[in-house]
C-alpha atoms as a PDB file:
ATOM      1  CA  MET A   1      -0.127   0.076   0.072  1.00  0.00           C
ATOM      2  CA  ALA A   2       1.366   3.449  -0.877  1.00  0.00           C
ATOM      3  CA  VAL A   3       2.276   5.736   2.152  1.00  0.00           C
ATOM      4  CA  ALA A   4      -0.259   8.309   0.258  1.00  0.00           C
ATOM      5  CA  PHE A   5      -3.385   6.132   1.175  1.00  0.00           C
ATOM      6  CA  THR A   6      -2.444   5.771   5.003  1.00  0.00           C
ATOM      7  CA  LYS A   7      -3.112   8.237   7.640  1.00  0.00           C
ATOM      8  CA  GLU A   8      -0.182   8.906   9.925  1.00  0.00           C
ATOM      9  CA  GLU A   9      -0.751  10.272  13.502  1.00  0.00           C
ATOM     10  CA  SER A  10       1.372  13.192  13.674  1.00  0.00           C
ATOM     11  CA  PHE A  11       3.161  14.365  16.979  1.00  0.00           C
ATOM     12  CA  GLU A  12       0.463  16.797  18.055  1.00  0.00           C
ATOM     13  CA  THR A  13      -2.476  14.499  17.782  1.00  0.00           C
ATOM     14  CA  ALA A  14      -0.361  11.541  19.596  1.00  0.00           C
ATOM     15  CA  SER A  15       0.456  14.235  22.553  1.00  0.00           C
ATOM     16  CA  GLU A  16      -3.194  15.176  22.674  1.00  0.00           C
ATOM     17  CA  THR A  17      -4.162  11.335  22.930  1.00  0.00           C
ATOM     18  CA  LEU A  18      -1.616  10.380  25.337  1.00  0.00           C
ATOM     19  CA  LEU A  19      -2.914  12.176  28.513  1.00  0.00           C
ATOM     20  CA  PRO A  20      -1.236  11.190  31.677  1.00  0.00           C
ATOM     21  CA  ASP A  21      -3.670   9.734  34.619  1.00  0.00           C
ATOM     22  CA  ARG A  22      -5.113  11.920  37.225  1.00  0.00           C
ATOM     23  CA  PRO A  23      -3.126  11.661  40.084  1.00  0.00           C
ATOM     24  CA  VAL A  24      -5.011   9.440  42.743  1.00  0.00           C
ATOM     25  CA  SER A  25      -4.770  10.546  46.472  1.00  0.00           C
ATOM     26  CA  PRO A  26      -2.641   8.459  49.092  1.00  0.00           C
ATOM     27  CA  HIS A  27      -5.158   9.105  51.566  1.00  0.00           C
ATOM     28  CA  PRO A  28      -7.965   6.455  52.387  1.00  0.00           C
ATOM     29  CA  ASN A  29     -11.118   7.042  50.100  1.00  0.00           C
ATOM     30  CA  LEU A  30     -13.561   8.066  52.475  1.00  0.00           C
ATOM     31  CA  VAL A  31     -16.922   9.109  50.886  1.00  0.00           C
ATOM     32  CA  THR A  32     -20.449   9.948  52.036  1.00  0.00           C
ATOM     33  CA  GLU A  33     -23.426   8.211  50.158  1.00  0.00           C
ATOM     34  CA  ALA A  34     -23.908  11.087  48.177  1.00  0.00           C
ATOM     35  CA  GLY A  35     -20.462  11.268  47.147  1.00  0.00           C
ATOM     36  CA  LEU A  36     -20.385   7.444  46.004  1.00  0.00           C
ATOM     37  CA  LYS A  37     -23.511   8.171  43.837  1.00  0.00           C
ATOM     38  CA  ALA A  38     -21.779  11.244  42.302  1.00  0.00           C
ATOM     39  CA  LEU A  39     -18.811   8.986  41.667  1.00  0.00           C
ATOM     40  CA  GLU A  40     -20.976   6.486  39.943  1.00  0.00           C
ATOM     41  CA  LEU A  41     -22.700   9.398  37.956  1.00  0.00           C
ATOM     42  CA  GLN A  42     -19.218  10.793  36.854  1.00  0.00           C
ATOM     43  CA  PHE A  43     -18.339   7.345  35.672  1.00  0.00           C
ATOM     44  CA  GLN A  44     -21.337   6.745  33.661  1.00  0.00           C
ATOM     45  CA  GLN A  45     -21.090  10.075  32.135  1.00  0.00           C
ATOM     46  CA  ALA A  46     -17.324   9.465  31.278  1.00  0.00           C
ATOM     47  CA  ARG A  47     -18.403   5.761  29.736  1.00  0.00           C
ATOM     48  CA  GLU A  48     -20.984   7.699  27.622  1.00  0.00           C
ATOM     49  CA  ALA A  49     -18.719  10.475  26.270  1.00  0.00           C
ATOM     50  CA  TYR A  50     -15.952   7.566  25.782  1.00  0.00           C
ATOM     51  CA  ASP A  51     -18.506   5.420  23.725  1.00  0.00           C
ATOM     52  CA  ALA A  52     -19.742   8.359  21.747  1.00  0.00           C
ATOM     53  CA  ALA A  53     -16.273   9.030  20.660  1.00  0.00           C
ATOM     54  CA  ASN A  54     -15.580   5.781  19.551  1.00  0.00           C
ATOM     55  CA  THR A  55     -18.271   6.311  16.898  1.00  0.00           C
ATOM     56  CA  ILE A  56     -16.245   9.106  15.168  1.00  0.00           C
ATOM     57  CA  GLU A  57     -15.193   7.630  11.698  1.00  0.00           C
ATOM     58  CA  ASP A  58     -11.639   9.535  11.487  1.00  0.00           C
ATOM     59  CA  VAL A  59      -9.203   7.748  13.604  1.00  0.00           C
ATOM     60  CA  ASN A  60      -7.105  10.763  14.730  1.00  0.00           C
ATOM     61  CA  GLU A  61     -10.496  12.507  15.946  1.00  0.00           C
ATOM     62  CA  ARG A  62     -11.738   9.684  17.485  1.00  0.00           C
ATOM     63  CA  ARG A  63      -8.296   9.155  19.575  1.00  0.00           C
ATOM     64  CA  ARG A  64      -8.531  12.936  20.395  1.00  0.00           C
ATOM     65  CA  HIS A  65     -12.255  12.784  21.417  1.00  0.00           C
ATOM     66  CA  ALA A  66     -11.695   9.546  23.411  1.00  0.00           C
ATOM     67  CA  ALA A  67      -8.667  10.795  25.577  1.00  0.00           C
ATOM     68  CA  ASN A  68     -10.391  12.893  28.280  1.00  0.00           C
ATOM     69  CA  PRO A  69     -12.951  10.442  29.083  1.00  0.00           C
ATOM     70  CA  LEU A  70     -10.588   7.414  28.747  1.00  0.00           C
ATOM     71  CA  ARG A  71      -8.373   8.897  31.446  1.00  0.00           C
ATOM     72  CA  ASP A  72     -11.451   9.841  33.649  1.00  0.00           C
ATOM     73  CA  LEU A  73     -12.759   6.457  33.283  1.00  0.00           C
ATOM     74  CA  ARG A  74      -9.443   5.366  34.686  1.00  0.00           C
ATOM     75  CA  TYR A  75      -9.418   7.665  37.717  1.00  0.00           C
ATOM     76  CA  LEU A  76     -13.084   7.108  38.474  1.00  0.00           C
ATOM     77  CA  ALA A  77     -12.911   3.279  38.099  1.00  0.00           C
ATOM     78  CA  ALA A  78      -9.848   3.331  40.919  1.00  0.00           C
ATOM     79  CA  ARG A  79     -11.929   5.726  42.962  1.00  0.00           C
ATOM     80  CA  LEU A  80     -15.012   3.443  43.005  1.00  0.00           C
ATOM     81  CA  ARG A  81     -12.853   0.304  43.759  1.00  0.00           C
ATOM     82  CA  THR A  82     -11.413   1.963  46.704  1.00  0.00           C
ATOM     83  CA  ALA A  83     -14.445   4.094  47.892  1.00  0.00           C
ATOM     84  CA  GLN A  84     -15.289   3.328  51.549  1.00  0.00           C
ATOM     85  CA  VAL A  85     -18.871   4.624  52.489  1.00  0.00           C
ATOM     86  CA  MET A  86     -18.978   6.206  55.854  1.00  0.00           C
ATOM     87  CA  PRO A  87     -21.940   6.291  57.783  1.00  0.00           C
ATOM     88  CA  ASN A  88     -23.661   9.593  58.902  1.00  0.00           C
ATOM     89  CA  PRO A  89     -22.409  10.959  62.391  1.00  0.00           C
ATOM     90  CA  THR A  90     -24.445   9.512  65.514  1.00  0.00           C
ATOM     91  CA  SER A  91     -23.617  12.386  67.610  1.00  0.00           C
ATOM     92  CA  ALA A  92     -23.273  16.129  67.152  1.00  0.00           C
ATOM     93  CA  ASP A  93     -21.075  16.253  69.981  1.00  0.00           C
ATOM     94  CA  VAL A  94     -17.749  16.406  68.130  1.00  0.00           C
ATOM     95  CA  VAL A  95     -16.873  17.175  64.646  1.00  0.00           C
ATOM     96  CA  ALA A  96     -16.442  14.019  62.657  1.00  0.00           C
ATOM     97  CA  PHE A  97     -16.458  12.781  58.874  1.00  0.00           C
ATOM     98  CA  GLY A  98     -19.850  13.812  57.452  1.00  0.00           C
ATOM     99  CA  SER A  99     -20.523  16.579  60.340  1.00  0.00           C
ATOM    100  CA  THR A 100     -21.669  20.198  59.030  1.00  0.00           C
ATOM    101  CA  VAL A 101     -19.603  22.685  61.007  1.00  0.00           C
ATOM    102  CA  THR A 102     -19.817  25.868  61.880  1.00  0.00           C
ATOM    103  CA  PHE A 103     -16.977  28.317  63.268  1.00  0.00           C
ATOM    104  CA  ARG A 104     -16.262  31.909  63.742  1.00  0.00           C
ATOM    105  CA  ARG A 105     -12.917  33.416  62.570  1.00  0.00           C
ATOM    106  CA  ASP A 106     -10.821  35.980  64.196  1.00  0.00           C
ATOM    107  CA  ASP A 107     -11.860  38.654  61.839  1.00  0.00           C
ATOM    108  CA  GLY A 108     -15.569  37.879  62.986  1.00  0.00           C
ATOM    109  CA  ARG A 109     -16.790  35.909  59.706  1.00  0.00           C
ATOM    110  CA  VAL A 110     -18.470  32.995  60.331  1.00  0.00           C
ATOM    111  CA  GLN A 111     -18.309  29.838  57.912  1.00  0.00           C
ATOM    112  CA  THR A 112     -20.104  26.558  57.667  1.00  0.00           C
ATOM    113  CA  TYR A 113     -18.437  23.512  56.004  1.00  0.00           C
ATOM    114  CA  ARG A 114     -19.621  20.089  55.739  1.00  0.00           C
ATOM    115  CA  ILE A 115     -16.557  17.566  55.957  1.00  0.00           C
ATOM    116  CA  VAL A 116     -16.670  15.116  53.007  1.00  0.00           C
ATOM    117  CA  GLY A 117     -14.270  13.039  51.054  1.00  0.00           C
ATOM    118  CA  GLU A 118     -11.797  14.501  48.593  1.00  0.00           C
ATOM    119  CA  ASP A 119     -13.628  14.023  45.339  1.00  0.00           C
ATOM    120  CA  GLU A 120     -16.840  15.663  46.895  1.00  0.00           C
ATOM    121  CA  ALA A 121     -15.245  18.549  48.261  1.00  0.00           C
ATOM    122  CA  ASP A 122     -16.394  22.053  46.940  1.00  0.00           C
ATOM    123  CA  PRO A 123     -15.464  24.705  49.268  1.00  0.00           C
ATOM    124  CA  LYS A 124     -17.956  27.116  47.261  1.00  0.00           C
ATOM    125  CA  ALA A 125     -20.591  24.635  47.921  1.00  0.00           C
ATOM    126  CA  GLY A 126     -20.148  24.528  51.538  1.00  0.00           C
ATOM    127  CA  SER A 127     -18.119  21.098  51.463  1.00  0.00           C
ATOM    128  CA  ILE A 128     -14.542  20.626  52.316  1.00  0.00           C
ATOM    129  CA  SER A 129     -12.115  17.496  52.522  1.00  0.00           C
ATOM    130  CA  TYR A 130     -11.482  15.591  55.492  1.00  0.00           C
ATOM    131  CA  VAL A 131      -8.044  15.827  54.368  1.00  0.00           C
ATOM    132  CA  SER A 132      -8.119  19.727  54.222  1.00  0.00           C
ATOM    133  CA  PRO A 133      -6.127  21.389  57.061  1.00  0.00           C
ATOM    134  CA  VAL A 134      -9.127  23.047  58.469  1.00  0.00           C
ATOM    135  CA  ALA A 135     -11.011  19.706  58.706  1.00  0.00           C
ATOM    136  CA  ARG A 136      -7.979  18.081  60.224  1.00  0.00           C
ATOM    137  CA  LEU A 137      -7.730  20.788  62.984  1.00  0.00           C
ATOM    138  CA  LEU A 138     -11.403  20.461  63.654  1.00  0.00           C
ATOM    139  CA  MET A 139     -12.032  16.893  63.613  1.00  0.00           C
ATOM    140  CA  GLY A 140     -12.600  15.403  67.076  1.00  0.00           C
ATOM    141  CA  LYS A 141     -13.365  19.029  68.532  1.00  0.00           C
ATOM    142  CA  ALA A 142     -16.566  20.046  70.317  1.00  0.00           C
ATOM    143  CA  ALA A 143     -18.530  23.137  70.073  1.00  0.00           C
ATOM    144  CA  GLY A 144     -16.834  25.990  72.104  1.00  0.00           C
ATOM    145  CA  ASP A 145     -13.296  24.522  71.331  1.00  0.00           C
ATOM    146  CA  ALA A 146     -10.787  26.752  69.461  1.00  0.00           C
ATOM    147  CA  VAL A 147      -8.021  25.817  66.862  1.00  0.00           C
ATOM    148  CA  GLU A 148      -5.428  27.845  65.439  1.00  0.00           C
ATOM    149  CA  ALA A 149      -5.366  27.684  61.411  1.00  0.00           C
ATOM    150  CA  GLY A 150      -2.883  30.148  59.598  1.00  0.00           C
ATOM    151  CA  GLY A 151      -2.336  32.619  62.409  1.00  0.00           C
ATOM    152  CA  GLN A 152      -6.102  32.848  63.125  1.00  0.00           C
ATOM    153  CA  GLU A 153      -8.234  31.202  65.746  1.00  0.00           C
ATOM    154  CA  LEU A 154     -11.482  29.633  64.665  1.00  0.00           C
ATOM    155  CA  GLU A 155     -13.897  28.949  67.479  1.00  0.00           C
ATOM    156  CA  ILE A 156     -16.533  26.167  66.892  1.00  0.00           C
ATOM    157  CA  ILE A 157     -19.966  27.620  67.527  1.00  0.00           C
ATOM    158  CA  ALA A 158     -22.201  24.609  66.230  1.00  0.00           C
ATOM    159  CA  ILE A 159     -21.953  20.961  64.906  1.00  0.00           C
ATOM    160  CA  ALA A 160     -24.903  19.145  62.896  1.00  0.00           C
END
């Protein structure tokens, strides 16, 4: 077959299709029930995107469109395989995984966050990872306790 009839992949296309894996945290993969459902949904969406990409005729375009979903599928499969669903806290006496904690900073700001798994953390939406520095300081503490974070004192005013 003449070279004119083959489609060679360019270096640029190859670099777009050989994406490095998403880093997997070394911490235990603790999740809430909602966090597990979110991981399952993300896996399903990545699978659908990968399947859709595989219907593309042009091999280079197919590889380009399949690269991100394939990387996400590898990451999400690993996270689902290692997920440890944690029960909801049975007490609001101390801050634990799954607790919603409200604290006051030195400057008077009051913040409320739910402590969740790494993949479900979204500070803008009111959730932080249990491995975040603030969550680590708050875990095991009770209402009225204070901790120092980044040169500021945080006083726990409520736990739910």
